[in-house]
Structures are given as structure tokens and as C-alpha cells.
C-alpha atoms as a PDB file:
ATOM      1  CA  UNK A   1      23.296  11.973 -24.019  1.00  0.00           C
ATOM      2  CA  UNK A   2      21.002  14.941 -23.330  1.00  0.00           C
ATOM      3  CA  UNK A   3      20.472  16.175 -19.793  1.00  0.00           C
ATOM      4  CA  UNK A   4      17.318  15.103 -18.091  1.00  0.00           C
ATOM      5  CA  UNK A   5      15.085  18.203 -17.486  1.00  0.00           C
ATOM      6  CA  UNK A   6      14.838  19.831 -13.815  1.00  0.00           C
ATOM      7  CA  UNK A   7      12.099  17.565 -11.767  1.00  0.00           C
ATOM      8  CA  UNK A   8       9.221  19.486 -10.641  1.00  0.00           C
ATOM      9  CA  UNK A   9       8.404  20.188  -7.056  1.00  0.00           C
ATOM     10  CA  UNK A  10       4.805  20.664  -7.188  1.00  0.00           C
ATOM     11  CA  UNK A  11       2.278  18.491  -5.028  1.00  0.00           C
ATOM     12  CA  UNK A  12      -1.257  18.700  -3.227  1.00  0.00           C
ATOM     13  CA  UNK A  13       0.329  17.331  -0.446  1.00  0.00           C
ATOM     14  CA  UNK A  14       2.446  18.725   2.722  1.00  0.00           C
ATOM     15  CA  UNK A  15       5.344  20.991   1.471  1.00  0.00           C
ATOM     16  CA  UNK A  16       7.281  20.619   4.692  1.00  0.00           C
ATOM     17  CA  UNK A  17      10.140  18.611   3.172  1.00  0.00           C
ATOM     18  CA  UNK A  18      10.395  20.732   0.066  1.00  0.00           C
ATOM     19  CA  UNK A  19      13.968  21.896   1.459  1.00  0.00           C
ATOM     20  CA  UNK A  20      14.915  18.248   1.156  1.00  0.00           C
ATOM     21  CA  UNK A  21      13.232  17.511  -1.802  1.00  0.00           C
ATOM     22  CA  UNK A  22      15.013  20.405  -3.650  1.00  0.00           C
ATOM     23  CA  UNK A  23      18.353  19.581  -2.120  1.00  0.00           C
ATOM     24  CA  UNK A  24      18.331  15.905  -3.696  1.00  0.00           C
ATOM     25  CA  UNK A  25      16.617  16.988  -6.666  1.00  0.00           C
ATOM     26  CA  UNK A  26      13.672  14.678  -6.260  1.00  0.00           C
ATOM     27  CA  UNK A  27       9.910  15.519  -6.786  1.00  0.00           C
ATOM     28  CA  UNK A  28       8.396  16.481  -3.319  1.00  0.00           C
ATOM     29  CA  UNK A  29       5.437  13.841  -3.872  1.00  0.00           C
ATOM     30  CA  UNK A  30       8.032  11.267  -3.958  1.00  0.00           C
ATOM     31  CA  UNK A  31       9.858  12.651  -1.074  1.00  0.00           C
ATOM     32  CA  UNK A  32       6.565  12.756   0.901  1.00  0.00           C
ATOM     33  CA  UNK A  33       5.923   9.052  -0.104  1.00  0.00           C
ATOM     34  CA  UNK A  34       9.136   7.668   1.320  1.00  0.00           C
ATOM     35  CA  UNK A  35       8.739   9.814   4.379  1.00  0.00           C
ATOM     36  CA  UNK A  36       5.473   8.374   5.066  1.00  0.00           C
ATOM     37  CA  UNK A  37       6.568   4.766   4.672  1.00  0.00           C
ATOM     38  CA  UNK A  38       9.651   5.275   6.807  1.00  0.00           C
ATOM     39  CA  UNK A  39       7.472   6.821   9.514  1.00  0.00           C
ATOM     40  CA  UNK A  40       4.972   3.885   9.041  1.00  0.00           C
ATOM     41  CA  UNK A  41       7.604   1.345   9.852  1.00  0.00           C
ATOM     42  CA  UNK A  42       8.590   2.845  13.101  1.00  0.00           C
ATOM     43  CA  UNK A  43       5.006   3.465  13.834  1.00  0.00           C
ATOM     44  CA  UNK A  44       4.251  -0.262  13.263  1.00  0.00           C
ATOM     45  CA  UNK A  45       7.220  -1.239  16.039  1.00  0.00           C
ATOM     46  CA  UNK A  46       5.537   1.205  18.331  1.00  0.00           C
ATOM     47  CA  UNK A  47       2.109  -0.272  17.504  1.00  0.00           C
ATOM     48  CA  UNK A  48       3.307  -3.812  18.313  1.00  0.00           C
ATOM     49  CA  UNK A  49       4.936  -2.921  21.499  1.00  0.00           C
ATOM     50  CA  UNK A  50       2.374  -0.497  23.104  1.00  0.00           C
ATOM     51  CA  UNK A  51      -0.644  -1.574  21.288  1.00  0.00           C
ATOM     52  CA  UNK A  52      -0.528  -5.108  21.209  1.00  0.00           C
ATOM     53  CA  UNK A  53      -3.594  -7.192  21.889  1.00  0.00           C
ATOM     54  CA  UNK A  54      -2.548  -7.397  25.541  1.00  0.00           C
ATOM     55  CA  UNK A  55      -2.376  -3.483  25.901  1.00  0.00           C
ATOM     56  CA  UNK A  56      -4.950  -2.075  24.166  1.00  0.00           C
ATOM     57  CA  UNK A  57      -8.748  -3.211  23.233  1.00  0.00           C
ATOM     58  CA  UNK A  58      -9.771  -3.727  19.596  1.00  0.00           C
ATOM     59  CA  UNK A  59     -11.525  -0.572  19.239  1.00  0.00           C
ATOM     60  CA  UNK A  60      -8.369   1.563  20.306  1.00  0.00           C
ATOM     61  CA  UNK A  61      -6.092  -0.514  17.495  1.00  0.00           C
ATOM     62  CA  UNK A  62      -8.583   0.173  14.935  1.00  0.00           C
ATOM     63  CA  UNK A  63      -8.903   3.783  16.084  1.00  0.00           C
ATOM     64  CA  UNK A  64      -5.227   4.210  15.942  1.00  0.00           C
ATOM     65  CA  UNK A  65      -4.687   2.535  12.612  1.00  0.00           C
ATOM     66  CA  UNK A  66      -7.400   4.673  11.077  1.00  0.00           C
ATOM     67  CA  UNK A  67      -6.309   7.691  12.156  1.00  0.00           C
ATOM     68  CA  UNK A  68      -2.518   7.483  11.422  1.00  0.00           C
ATOM     69  CA  UNK A  69      -3.868   6.355   7.728  1.00  0.00           C
ATOM     70  CA  UNK A  70      -5.697   9.114   7.299  1.00  0.00           C
ATOM     71  CA  UNK A  71      -3.001  11.697   8.433  1.00  0.00           C
ATOM     72  CA  UNK A  72      -0.818  10.030   5.641  1.00  0.00           C
ATOM     73  CA  UNK A  73      -3.136  10.531   2.867  1.00  0.00           C
ATOM     74  CA  UNK A  74      -3.700  14.039   3.907  1.00  0.00           C
ATOM     75  CA  UNK A  75       0.022  14.477   3.969  1.00  0.00           C
ATOM     76  CA  UNK A  76       0.878  12.970   0.710  1.00  0.00           C
ATOM     77  CA  UNK A  77      -2.120  13.836  -1.278  1.00  0.00           C
ATOM     78  CA  UNK A  78      -3.605  16.954   0.719  1.00  0.00           C
ATOM     79  CA  UNK A  79      -6.899  17.652  -0.459  1.00  0.00           C
ATOM     80  CA  UNK A  80      -7.200  15.046  -3.226  1.00  0.00           C
ATOM     81  CA  UNK A  81      -7.115  12.519  -0.494  1.00  0.00           C
ATOM     82  CA  UNK A  82     -10.941  13.613   0.154  1.00  0.00           C
ATOM     83  CA  UNK A  83     -11.664  11.262  -3.076  1.00  0.00           C
ATOM     84  CA  UNK A  84     -10.402   8.477  -1.390  1.00  0.00           C
ATOM     85  CA  UNK A  85     -12.439   9.060   1.988  1.00  0.00           C
ATOM     86  CA  UNK A  86     -15.745   9.845  -0.195  1.00  0.00           C
ATOM     87  CA  UNK A  87     -15.366   6.401  -1.999  1.00  0.00           C
ATOM     88  CA  UNK A  88     -14.840   4.584   1.148  1.00  0.00           C
ATOM     89  CA  UNK A  89     -17.724   5.993   2.874  1.00  0.00           C
ATOM     90  CA  UNK A  90     -19.807   5.379  -0.607  1.00  0.00           C
ATOM     91  CA  UNK A  91     -18.934   1.936  -0.436  1.00  0.00           C
ATOM     92  CA  UNK A  92     -19.794   1.295   3.283  1.00  0.00           C
ATOM     93  CA  UNK A  93     -23.249   2.854   2.318  1.00  0.00           C
ATOM     94  CA  UNK A  94     -23.534   0.196  -0.155  1.00  0.00           C
ATOM     95  CA  UNK A  95     -22.440  -2.687   2.433  1.00  0.00           C
ATOM     96  CA  UNK A  96     -25.293  -1.692   4.874  1.00  0.00           C
ATOM     97  CA  UNK A  97     -27.993  -0.834   2.225  1.00  0.00           C
ATOM     98  CA  UNK A  98     -27.538  -3.434  -0.567  1.00  0.00           C
ATOM     99  CA  UNK A  99     -28.652  -6.826  -0.479  1.00  0.00           C
ATOM    100  CA  UNK A 100     -25.609  -9.296  -0.308  1.00  0.00           C
ATOM    101  CA  UNK A 101     -25.785 -10.775  -3.492  1.00  0.00           C
ATOM    102  CA  UNK A 102     -25.734  -7.151  -5.113  1.00  0.00           C
ATOM    103  CA  UNK A 103     -23.033  -5.604  -3.070  1.00  0.00           C
ATOM    104  CA  UNK A 104     -20.047  -6.493  -5.257  1.00  0.00           C
ATOM    105  CA  UNK A 105     -22.200  -5.294  -8.462  1.00  0.00           C
ATOM    106  CA  UNK A 106     -23.011  -1.594  -6.822  1.00  0.00           C
ATOM    107  CA  UNK A 107     -19.354  -1.532  -5.228  1.00  0.00           C
ATOM    108  CA  UNK A 108     -17.888  -2.043  -8.541  1.00  0.00           C
ATOM    109  CA  UNK A 109     -20.142   0.393 -10.329  1.00  0.00           C
ATOM    110  CA  UNK A 110     -19.688   3.095  -8.016  1.00  0.00           C
ATOM    111  CA  UNK A 111     -15.802   2.400  -7.701  1.00  0.00           C
ATOM    112  CA  UNK A 112     -15.261   2.391 -11.243  1.00  0.00           C
ATOM    113  CA  UNK A 113     -17.498   5.062 -11.843  1.00  0.00           C
ATOM    114  CA  UNK A 114     -16.033   7.474  -9.379  1.00  0.00           C
ATOM    115  CA  UNK A 115     -12.400   6.525 -10.573  1.00  0.00           C
ATOM    116  CA  UNK A 116     -13.608   7.495 -14.093  1.00  0.00           C
ATOM    117  CA  UNK A 117     -15.032  10.784 -13.151  1.00  0.00           C
ATOM    118  CA  UNK A 118     -11.877  11.553 -11.200  1.00  0.00           C
ATOM    119  CA  UNK A 119      -9.722  10.802 -14.230  1.00  0.00           C
ATOM    120  CA  UNK A 120     -11.663  12.841 -16.587  1.00  0.00           C
ATOM    121  CA  UNK A 121     -11.792  15.754 -14.195  1.00  0.00           C
ATOM    122  CA  UNK A 122      -7.898  15.498 -13.545  1.00  0.00           C
ATOM    123  CA  UNK A 123      -7.568  16.624 -17.307  1.00  0.00           C
ATOM    124  CA  UNK A 124      -8.979  19.756 -16.524  1.00  0.00           C
ATOM    125  CA  UNK A 125      -8.223  20.243 -12.557  1.00  0.00           C
ATOM    126  CA  UNK A 126      -4.665  18.925 -11.879  1.00  0.00           C
ATOM    127  CA  UNK A 127     -13.760 -10.149  -2.408  1.00  0.00           C
ATOM    128  CA  UNK A 128     -13.950 -13.542  -2.182  1.00  0.00           C
ATOM    129  CA  UNK A 129     -17.279 -15.033  -2.258  1.00  0.00           C
ATOM    130  CA  UNK A 130     -19.072 -12.035  -4.759  1.00  0.00           C
ATOM    131  CA  UNK A 131     -22.538 -12.749  -3.693  1.00  0.00           C
ATOM    132  CA  UNK A 132     -22.399 -16.440  -4.446  1.00  0.00           C
ATOM    133  CA  UNK A 133     -24.226 -19.014  -2.124  1.00  0.00           C
ATOM    134  CA  UNK A 134     -22.035 -20.834   0.472  1.00  0.00           C
ATOM    135  CA  UNK A 135     -22.058 -24.169  -0.895  1.00  0.00           C
ATOM    136  CA  UNK A 136     -20.814 -22.884  -4.355  1.00  0.00           C
ATOM    137  CA  UNK A 137     -17.522 -21.389  -2.750  1.00  0.00           C
ATOM    138  CA  UNK A 138     -14.255 -23.073  -2.546  1.00  0.00           C
ATOM    139  CA  UNK A 139     -12.578 -23.688   0.757  1.00  0.00           C
ATOM    140  CA  UNK A 140     -10.159 -20.742   0.661  1.00  0.00           C
ATOM    141  CA  UNK A 141     -13.161 -18.396  -0.351  1.00  0.00           C
ATOM    142  CA  UNK A 142     -15.340 -19.734   2.484  1.00  0.00           C
ATOM    143  CA  UNK A 143     -12.490 -19.063   4.589  1.00  0.00           C
ATOM    144  CA  UNK A 144     -12.281 -15.549   3.773  1.00  0.00           C
ATOM    145  CA  UNK A 145     -15.824 -14.857   2.974  1.00  0.00           C
ATOM    146  CA  UNK A 146     -17.048 -11.780   5.043  1.00  0.00           C
ATOM    147  CA  UNK A 147     -20.180 -13.118   6.381  1.00  0.00           C
ATOM    148  CA  UNK A 148     -21.297 -10.331   8.879  1.00  0.00           C
ATOM    149  CA  UNK A 149     -21.165  -6.747   8.042  1.00  0.00           C
ATOM    150  CA  UNK A 150     -18.130  -4.756   9.581  1.00  0.00           C
ATOM    151  CA  UNK A 151     -18.761  -1.862  11.909  1.00  0.00           C
ATOM    152  CA  UNK A 152     -18.165   1.404  10.496  1.00  0.00           C
ATOM    153  CA  UNK A 153     -14.618   1.548  12.724  1.00  0.00           C
ATOM    154  CA  UNK A 154     -13.671  -1.865  11.293  1.00  0.00           C
ATOM    155  CA  UNK A 155     -14.375  -0.562   8.079  1.00  0.00           C
ATOM    156  CA  UNK A 156     -12.361   2.545   8.141  1.00  0.00           C
ATOM    157  CA  UNK A 157      -9.608   0.645   9.812  1.00  0.00           C
ATOM    158  CA  UNK A 158      -9.109  -1.955   7.335  1.00  0.00           C
ATOM    159  CA  UNK A 159      -9.476   0.632   4.315  1.00  0.00           C
ATOM    160  CA  UNK A 160      -7.406   3.362   5.797  1.00  0.00           C
ATOM    161  CA  UNK A 161      -5.120   2.012   8.352  1.00  0.00           C
ATOM    162  CA  UNK A 162      -1.565   3.460   8.170  1.00  0.00           C
ATOM    163  CA  UNK A 163       0.323   0.636   6.918  1.00  0.00           C
ATOM    164  CA  UNK A 164      -1.606   0.297   3.660  1.00  0.00           C
ATOM    165  CA  UNK A 165      -3.298   3.298   2.683  1.00  0.00           C
ATOM    166  CA  UNK A 166      -0.205   4.777   0.773  1.00  0.00           C
ATOM    167  CA  UNK A 167       0.963   1.824  -1.323  1.00  0.00           C
ATOM    168  CA  UNK A 168      -0.240  -1.206   0.298  1.00  0.00           C
ATOM    169  CA  UNK A 169       0.188  -4.244   0.471  1.00  0.00           C
ATOM    170  CA  UNK A 170      -3.511  -4.846   1.545  1.00  0.00           C
ATOM    171  CA  UNK A 171      -4.231  -8.084   3.400  1.00  0.00           C
ATOM    172  CA  UNK A 172      -7.601  -9.760   3.578  1.00  0.00           C
ATOM    173  CA  UNK A 173     -10.401  -8.478   5.666  1.00  0.00           C
ATOM    174  CA  UNK A 174     -10.407 -11.895   7.721  1.00  0.00           C
ATOM    175  CA  UNK A 175      -6.724 -11.563   8.392  1.00  0.00           C
ATOM    176  CA  UNK A 176      -6.641  -8.032   9.174  1.00  0.00           C
ATOM    177  CA  UNK A 177      -9.477  -8.606  12.036  1.00  0.00           C
ATOM    178  CA  UNK A 178      -7.573 -11.607  13.212  1.00  0.00           C
ATOM    179  CA  UNK A 179      -4.489  -9.429  13.772  1.00  0.00           C
ATOM    180  CA  UNK A 180      -6.587  -6.483  15.339  1.00  0.00           C
ATOM    181  CA  UNK A 181      -7.906  -8.805  17.812  1.00  0.00           C
ATOM    182  CA  UNK A 182      -4.998 -10.570  18.678  1.00  0.00           C
ATOM    183  CA  UNK A 183      -6.053 -13.958  16.833  1.00  0.00           C
ATOM    184  CA  UNK A 184      -3.695 -13.937  13.771  1.00  0.00           C
ATOM    185  CA  UNK A 185      -0.534 -15.828  15.275  1.00  0.00           C
ATOM    186  CA  UNK A 186      -2.816 -18.518  16.794  1.00  0.00           C
ATOM    187  CA  UNK A 187      -4.703 -18.819  13.572  1.00  0.00           C
ATOM    188  CA  UNK A 188      -1.157 -19.117  11.550  1.00  0.00           C
ATOM    189  CA  UNK A 189       0.168 -21.539  14.211  1.00  0.00           C
ATOM    190  CA  UNK A 190      -3.096 -24.002  14.032  1.00  0.00           C
ATOM    191  CA  UNK A 191      -2.183 -24.085  10.050  1.00  0.00           C
ATOM    192  CA  UNK A 192       1.409 -25.512  10.724  1.00  0.00           C
ATOM    193  CA  UNK A 193       0.284 -27.473  14.011  1.00  0.00           C
ATOM    194  CA  UNK A 194       2.492 -25.683  16.273  1.00  0.00           C
ATOM    195  CA  UNK A 195       2.292 -28.625  19.285  1.00  0.00           C
ATOM    196  CA  UNK A 196       4.280 -30.923  16.722  1.00  0.00           C
ATOM    197  CA  UNK A 197       6.784 -28.160  15.764  1.00  0.00           C
ATOM    198  CA  UNK A 198       7.935 -28.546  19.362  1.00  0.00           C
ATOM    199  CA  UNK A 199       6.180 -25.430  21.160  1.00  0.00           C
ATOM    200  CA  UNK A 200       4.447 -25.939  24.497  1.00  0.00           C
ATOM    201  CA  UNK A 201       2.649 -22.697  24.141  1.00  0.00           C
ATOM    202  CA  UNK A 202       1.868 -19.973  21.557  1.00  0.00           C
ATOM    203  CA  UNK A 203       5.042 -18.223  20.624  1.00  0.00           C
ATOM    204  CA  UNK A 204       5.362 -14.584  20.010  1.00  0.00           C
ATOM    205  CA  UNK A 205       7.121 -14.571  16.449  1.00  0.00           C
ATOM    206  CA  UNK A 206       9.742 -11.675  16.203  1.00  0.00           C
ATOM    207  CA  UNK A 207       9.496  -9.787  12.822  1.00  0.00           C
ATOM    208  CA  UNK A 208      13.053  -8.546  12.930  1.00  0.00           C
ATOM    209  CA  UNK A 209      14.840 -10.828  10.625  1.00  0.00           C
ATOM    210  CA  UNK A 210      12.101 -10.803   7.780  1.00  0.00           C
ATOM    211  CA  UNK A 211      12.112  -6.863   8.423  1.00  0.00           C
ATOM    212  CA  UNK A 212      15.890  -6.631   7.849  1.00  0.00           C
ATOM    213  CA  UNK A 213      15.778  -8.917   4.783  1.00  0.00           C
ATOM    214  CA  UNK A 214      12.955  -6.552   3.125  1.00  0.00           C
ATOM    215  CA  UNK A 215      14.825  -3.463   3.964  1.00  0.00           C
ATOM    216  CA  UNK A 216      17.901  -4.870   2.294  1.00  0.00           C
ATOM    217  CA  UNK A 217      15.686  -5.484  -0.975  1.00  0.00           C
ATOM    218  CA  UNK A 218      14.402  -1.985  -0.436  1.00  0.00           C
ATOM    219  CA  UNK A 219      17.838  -0.389  -0.306  1.00  0.00           C
ATOM    220  CA  UNK A 220      19.085  -2.474  -3.319  1.00  0.00           C
ATOM    221  CA  UNK A 221      16.012  -1.324  -5.183  1.00  0.00           C
ATOM    222  CA  UNK A 222      16.491   2.573  -4.458  1.00  0.00           C
ATOM    223  CA  UNK A 223      20.220   2.404  -5.598  1.00  0.00           C
ATOM    224  CA  UNK A 224      19.304   0.682  -8.761  1.00  0.00           C
ATOM    225  CA  UNK A 225      16.478   3.090  -9.512  1.00  0.00           C
ATOM    226  CA  UNK A 226      18.736   6.255  -9.030  1.00  0.00           C
ATOM    227  CA  UNK A 227      21.690   4.882 -11.091  1.00  0.00           C
ATOM    228  CA  UNK A 228      19.667   3.390 -13.680  1.00  0.00           C
ATOM    229  CA  UNK A 229      17.404   6.561 -14.410  1.00  0.00           C
ATOM    230  CA  UNK A 230      20.284   8.708 -13.797  1.00  0.00           C
ATOM    231  CA  UNK A 231      22.235   6.971 -16.779  1.00  0.00           C
ATOM    232  CA  UNK A 232      19.300   6.260 -18.738  1.00  0.00           C
ATOM    233  CA  UNK A 233      17.079   9.298 -18.656  1.00  0.00           C
ATOM    234  CA  UNK A 234      13.649   8.769 -19.763  1.00  0.00           C
ATOM    235  CA  UNK A 235      13.641  12.219 -21.340  1.00  0.00           C
ATOM    236  CA  UNK A 236      16.295  10.987 -23.795  1.00  0.00           C
ATOM    237  CA  UNK A 237      13.632   9.358 -25.916  1.00  0.00           C
ATOM    238  CA  UNK A 238      11.967  12.429 -27.498  1.00  0.00           C
ATOM    239  CA  UNK A 239      15.513  14.213 -27.678  1.00  0.00           C
ATOM    240  CA  UNK A 240      15.484  15.401 -31.389  1.00  0.00           C
ATOM    241  CA  UNK A 241      19.200  14.153 -32.126  1.00  0.00           C
ATOM    242  CA  UNK A 242      18.438  10.768 -30.680  1.00  0.00           C
ATOM    243  CA  UNK A 243      15.263  10.542 -32.855  1.00  0.00           C
ATOM    244  CA  UNK A 244      17.123  11.801 -35.916  1.00  0.00           C
ATOM    245  CA  UNK A 245      20.279  10.127 -35.972  1.00  0.00           C
ATOM    246  CA  UNK A 246      20.000   7.058 -33.740  1.00  0.00           C
ATOM    247  CA  UNK A 247      18.982   3.833 -35.735  1.00  0.00           C
ATOM    248  CA  UNK A 248      15.403   2.347 -34.990  1.00  0.00           C
ATOM    249  CA  UNK A 249      16.882  -0.888 -33.261  1.00  0.00           C
ATOM    250  CA  UNK A 250      18.853   1.205 -30.979  1.00  0.00           C
ATOM    251  CA  UNK A 251      16.228   3.322 -30.178  1.00  0.00           C
ATOM    252  CA  UNK A 252      14.113   0.179 -29.260  1.00  0.00           C
ATOM    253  CA  UNK A 253      16.784  -1.359 -26.995  1.00  0.00           C
ATOM    254  CA  UNK A 254      16.909   1.953 -25.250  1.00  0.00           C
ATOM    255  CA  UNK A 255      13.272   2.145 -24.793  1.00  0.00           C
ATOM    256  CA  UNK A 256      13.264  -1.377 -23.219  1.00  0.00           C
ATOM    257  CA  UNK A 257      16.268  -0.363 -21.143  1.00  0.00           C
ATOM    258  CA  UNK A 258      14.602   2.902 -19.742  1.00  0.00           C
ATOM    259  CA  UNK A 259      11.215   0.949 -19.039  1.00  0.00           C
ATOM    260  CA  UNK A 260      13.301  -1.913 -17.292  1.00  0.00           C
ATOM    261  CA  UNK A 261      14.814   0.828 -15.398  1.00  0.00           C
ATOM    262  CA  UNK A 262      11.912   2.118 -14.164  1.00  0.00           C
ATOM    263  CA  UNK A 263      10.773  -1.227 -12.201  1.00  0.00           C
ATOM    264  CA  UNK A 264      13.127  -0.879  -9.155  1.00  0.00           C
ATOM    265  CA  UNK A 265      10.760   2.203  -8.107  1.00  0.00           C
ATOM    266  CA  UNK A 266       7.845  -0.079  -7.609  1.00  0.00           C
ATOM    267  CA  UNK A 267       9.888  -2.578  -5.970  1.00  0.00           C
ATOM    268  CA  UNK A 268      11.231   0.104  -3.386  1.00  0.00           C
ATOM    269  CA  UNK A 269       7.725   1.057  -2.740  1.00  0.00           C
ATOM    270  CA  UNK A 270       6.047  -2.436  -2.328  1.00  0.00           C
ATOM    271  CA  UNK A 271       9.001  -3.744  -0.415  1.00  0.00           C
ATOM    272  CA  UNK A 272       9.059  -0.935   2.017  1.00  0.00           C
ATOM    273  CA  UNK A 273       5.528  -1.054   2.558  1.00  0.00           C
ATOM    274  CA  UNK A 274       5.835  -4.903   3.229  1.00  0.00           C
ATOM    275  CA  UNK A 275       8.465  -4.428   5.666  1.00  0.00           C
ATOM    276  CA  UNK A 276       6.252  -2.279   7.456  1.00  0.00           C
ATOM    277  CA  UNK A 277       3.495  -4.795   7.412  1.00  0.00           C
ATOM    278  CA  UNK A 278       5.415  -7.607   8.457  1.00  0.00           C
ATOM    279  CA  UNK A 279       6.287  -5.689  11.678  1.00  0.00           C
ATOM    280  CA  UNK A 280       2.652  -4.303  11.873  1.00  0.00           C
ATOM    281  CA  UNK A 281       1.217  -8.093  11.812  1.00  0.00           C
ATOM    282  CA  UNK A 282       4.354  -9.553  13.274  1.00  0.00           C
ATOM    283  CA  UNK A 283       4.123 -12.072  10.549  1.00  0.00           C
ATOM    284  CA  UNK A 284       7.078 -13.244   8.464  1.00  0.00           C
ATOM    285  CA  UNK A 285       5.321 -15.330   6.009  1.00  0.00           C
END
């Protein structure tokens, strides 16, 4: 089987971890991504302990989440992160200037238009209610509908917070604001009728068990990805000998295996992000 070509180490982000990238033979942008996600997990514990609702105001919690998120974006993407910041600010302007029934339309046009321009230029450079009336919404849509415009700090914190800026997951706005203001645990317990569960006061749930479970899934995904991609390199599907001498059905089967072996990479990224988010939100659901 042909050797996979050496992986490039170019990135627009930080080159601080380039020695580690060279040592492991993993692209630098992937090293930066993992480093940020791991640091975000540690920061989430610190955030929960020292910047809880009883220790810091909502403004401080918003500011911390936003500044860390911006730093992670710059660390991973370098000057490319300016596209994210520009789009975020453009849509905030739309939220404040457009009428409520049209916000989703203008936001869609601007976001998709900007994304299209970015994809075109890259070749050469390197909601819930959606404007309907309240009586037309389902109960879930009505619960999650954003009925007052957020402040700039709230908006930036929601979109640029350090736990979701790299790979998500992205919570809905109502739950995020409830978390920042310290109401999220109360809201969740109201849904399960906590007094009937035997609690005499609002408990403070521990994220440890759920986080450890997610980290185990993350580790398994990482091992699977590294093992499968090493034994079934993507580059082999364009190898001349493979194309000329391998039967069509065998090539088709190998292509299927290669595409499946890429899946653990995404499970790793999403689950690692989720583990930090559980810690961040202190919510094991």
C-alpha cells in the first residue's frame, strides 16, 4: 500500500505548537484546535468555580467568555478570524436596525452572501420564531423565542464565547443567558419538579460523571481515527497502481472504508467540545 504523503504544517493561526506538530506528524491547525479545546475544558472548570453566578456579575461572565472565545479564534485561525468578527457585528447591526419580521431574512442574505464571498476569495487567497406572530409559534418555539434585543456584550458573549467558538456545540440563546445569569439549574429542575424528587433545596449538580464519560468517548474516537487513517490512507485512492490494478468493487469498498474512518475525527471534536460545555453549563443532560 502506498505511503501517505507528509502532512503540511501551514496555518494562519499560531505557530507556537509547531514543534509538537512536527513531532507527531499532525497538521498544525489540528494541533491548535485540540489544544484550544483542552484548554477550554480546563477554563470551564475555572469559570465554574471562580466566576459562578454567586461570585461574579453577568457582565463579568459575558466579558470573560467573549474575550477567551476571541483569543481561541485568533490562536486557531489567525487573521482569518476577522471574517467571523465582521459577520457577527454585521448581523448585530441588522438586529438593531431591521424590523423584527425581517431580521431573519436580512441575516440569512448577509451571512450566506458573506460566506459565498469568502469561499470564492479563498480560491485566490488561501432561530426559532423566524418573524412569525407569537400566536403562530409552537410551545417550544415560544419558549425559545428571543423577544428582546440583546445588548452588544450579551450578543458577543453568546456567539464568541470560548466554549463554542471553535467547534460548538451551540446552545440556544435563552438557555445561554439563563446560564450566565445563574438561572439555568433552576430552570432545568423546574422541568423535573425537583421537590417531588426529594430535594429540599435547589441542588448544585456536579458535571464530573458526564465529563469523564465524554472524555472516554473522545479518547476512543481519537484512537480509532489515528489507527484507521494510518492503515487506510486517503491518498491511496488516487495511487496509480491502485487505480490500474484493483478491481472496481474493491476500490469502491476501500473508498467506503476510507470515508468511514474519517468519522471519528468529527466525533472527537464534537465530543471534546461537548465535555467542556457540560462543565461550562454544569448540566449533565
